[in-house]
Amino acid sequence: MSPVEIGGPGVWGIIAALGVLTYLTRFVFLGIVGDRPLPGWLLRHLRYTGVAVLPGLVAPLIVWPAATGGEMDPIRLIASAVALGVGVWRKDVVQAVVAGALVMGGLSWLNG
């Protein structure tokens, strides 16, 4: 089995298929269910979608950052732990981001 050539027809087929699937998943909620009330249990579960997706997007950037060639960086782990702690403590995203950025900047400066 050969890998898909970049720019070849296989890549464009994959892109088209992903586009169609993305459209269909959005159409289910917007086109079919959009004007009907959703059951309470589904609304309760949908409330946690952002909370479930965001760590999945952020965790690889913390554990295997491209800036370090995919190697684990203790400075990023400490800064993310501080950001998480401040976010839980203060319940404010902006303060958590600022605290994490300050810790990462300070530790990076101290580390040279």
Protein backbone atom coordinates (compact mmCIF):
# COMPACT_ATOMS: atom_id res chain seq x y z
CA MET A 1 0.00 0.00 0.00
CA SER A 2 1.51 3.33 -1.02
CA PRO A 3 1.08 6.55 0.92
CA VAL A 4 -1.25 9.18 -0.51
CA GLU A 5 0.74 11.59 -2.63
CA ILE A 6 0.52 15.21 -1.47
CA GLY A 7 -1.55 17.14 -3.97
CA GLY A 8 -2.67 13.94 -5.69
CA PRO A 9 -6.25 12.89 -6.38
CA GLY A 10 -6.37 10.78 -3.22
CA VAL A 11 -5.80 13.81 -1.02
CA TRP A 12 -8.52 15.79 -2.79
CA GLY A 13 -10.90 12.86 -2.39
CA ILE A 14 -10.22 12.73 1.35
CA ILE A 15 -10.71 16.51 1.64
CA ALA A 16 -14.01 16.30 -0.27
CA ALA A 17 -15.24 13.39 1.86
CA LEU A 18 -14.38 15.21 5.08
CA GLY A 19 -16.14 18.32 3.81
CA VAL A 20 -19.30 16.36 3.02
CA LEU A 21 -19.25 14.57 6.38
CA THR A 22 -18.73 17.86 8.24
CA TYR A 23 -21.64 19.41 6.35
CA LEU A 24 -23.91 16.45 7.11
CA THR A 25 -23.13 16.43 10.84
CA ARG A 26 -23.91 20.14 11.07
CA PHE A 27 -27.03 19.77 8.92
CA VAL A 28 -28.48 17.23 11.35
CA PHE A 29 -28.57 19.84 14.11
CA LEU A 30 -29.29 22.95 12.05
CA GLY A 31 -31.50 21.64 9.24
CA ILE A 32 -33.41 18.76 10.74
CA VAL A 33 -33.55 19.50 14.47
CA GLY A 34 -33.07 23.28 14.31
CA ASP A 35 -36.72 24.32 14.78
CA ARG A 36 -37.71 21.61 17.27
CA PRO A 37 -37.16 21.66 21.03
CA LEU A 38 -34.45 19.28 22.21
CA PRO A 39 -35.03 16.97 25.18
CA GLY A 40 -33.65 18.09 28.52
CA TRP A 41 -31.18 15.22 28.83
CA LEU A 42 -29.59 16.13 25.47
CA LEU A 43 -29.33 19.82 26.35
CA ARG A 44 -27.69 18.86 29.65
CA HIS A 45 -25.07 16.79 27.79
CA LEU A 46 -24.46 19.44 25.13
CA ARG A 47 -23.59 21.95 27.86
CA TYR A 48 -20.37 20.03 28.49
CA THR A 49 -19.23 19.81 24.86
CA GLY A 50 -16.83 22.75 25.08
CA VAL A 51 -15.41 21.55 28.37
CA ALA A 52 -14.79 18.13 26.84
CA VAL A 53 -13.30 19.32 23.54
CA LEU A 54 -10.97 22.07 24.79
CA PRO A 55 -8.65 19.79 26.82
CA GLY A 56 -8.37 17.49 23.82
CA LEU A 57 -7.16 20.42 21.73
CA VAL A 58 -4.82 21.90 24.34
CA ALA A 59 -3.26 18.77 25.88
CA PRO A 60 -1.07 17.82 22.87
CA LEU A 61 0.25 21.39 22.75
CA ILE A 62 1.31 21.08 26.39
CA VAL A 63 2.63 17.53 26.47
CA TRP A 64 4.20 17.29 22.99
CA PRO A 65 4.81 20.88 21.81
CA ALA A 66 6.16 21.42 18.33
CA ALA A 67 8.44 24.17 19.67
CA THR A 68 10.50 21.55 21.51
CA GLY A 69 10.41 18.97 18.74
CA GLY A 70 7.73 16.93 20.48
CA GLU A 71 9.74 16.53 23.68
CA MET A 72 7.99 17.05 27.01
CA ASP A 73 8.84 20.46 28.51
CA PRO A 74 8.62 20.87 32.31
CA ILE A 75 8.15 24.65 31.95
CA ARG A 76 4.98 24.16 29.89
CA LEU A 77 3.68 21.55 32.32
CA ILE A 78 4.22 23.86 35.31
CA ALA A 79 2.64 26.83 33.50
CA SER A 80 -0.38 24.76 32.50
CA ALA A 81 -0.77 23.44 36.05
CA VAL A 82 -0.68 27.02 37.36
CA ALA A 83 -3.23 28.11 34.76
CA LEU A 84 -5.49 25.21 35.70
CA GLY A 85 -5.13 25.98 39.40
CA VAL A 86 -5.89 29.67 38.96
CA GLY A 87 -8.84 28.84 36.72
CA VAL A 88 -10.34 26.48 39.29
CA TRP A 89 -9.60 28.86 42.15
CA ARG A 90 -10.72 32.16 40.59
CA LYS A 91 -13.24 30.77 38.06
CA ASP A 92 -11.99 33.27 35.48
CA VAL A 93 -10.48 32.26 32.14
CA VAL A 94 -8.63 35.53 31.60
CA GLN A 95 -6.88 35.35 34.98
CA ALA A 96 -5.96 31.72 34.32
CA VAL A 97 -4.46 32.52 30.92
CA VAL A 98 -2.54 35.52 32.29
CA ALA A 99 -1.20 33.49 35.22
CA GLY A 100 -0.10 30.66 32.95
CA ALA A 101 1.54 33.07 30.51
CA LEU A 102 3.37 34.91 33.30
CA VAL A 103 4.66 31.67 34.79
CA MET A 104 5.75 30.35 31.41
CA GLY A 105 7.43 33.63 30.51
CA GLY A 106 9.12 33.91 33.90
CA LEU A 107 10.38 30.34 33.94
CA SER A 108 11.56 30.59 30.32
CA TRP A 109 13.44 33.79 31.20
CA LEU A 110 15.00 32.18 34.28
CA ASN A 111 15.93 29.08 32.29
CA GLY A 112 17.65 31.20 29.68
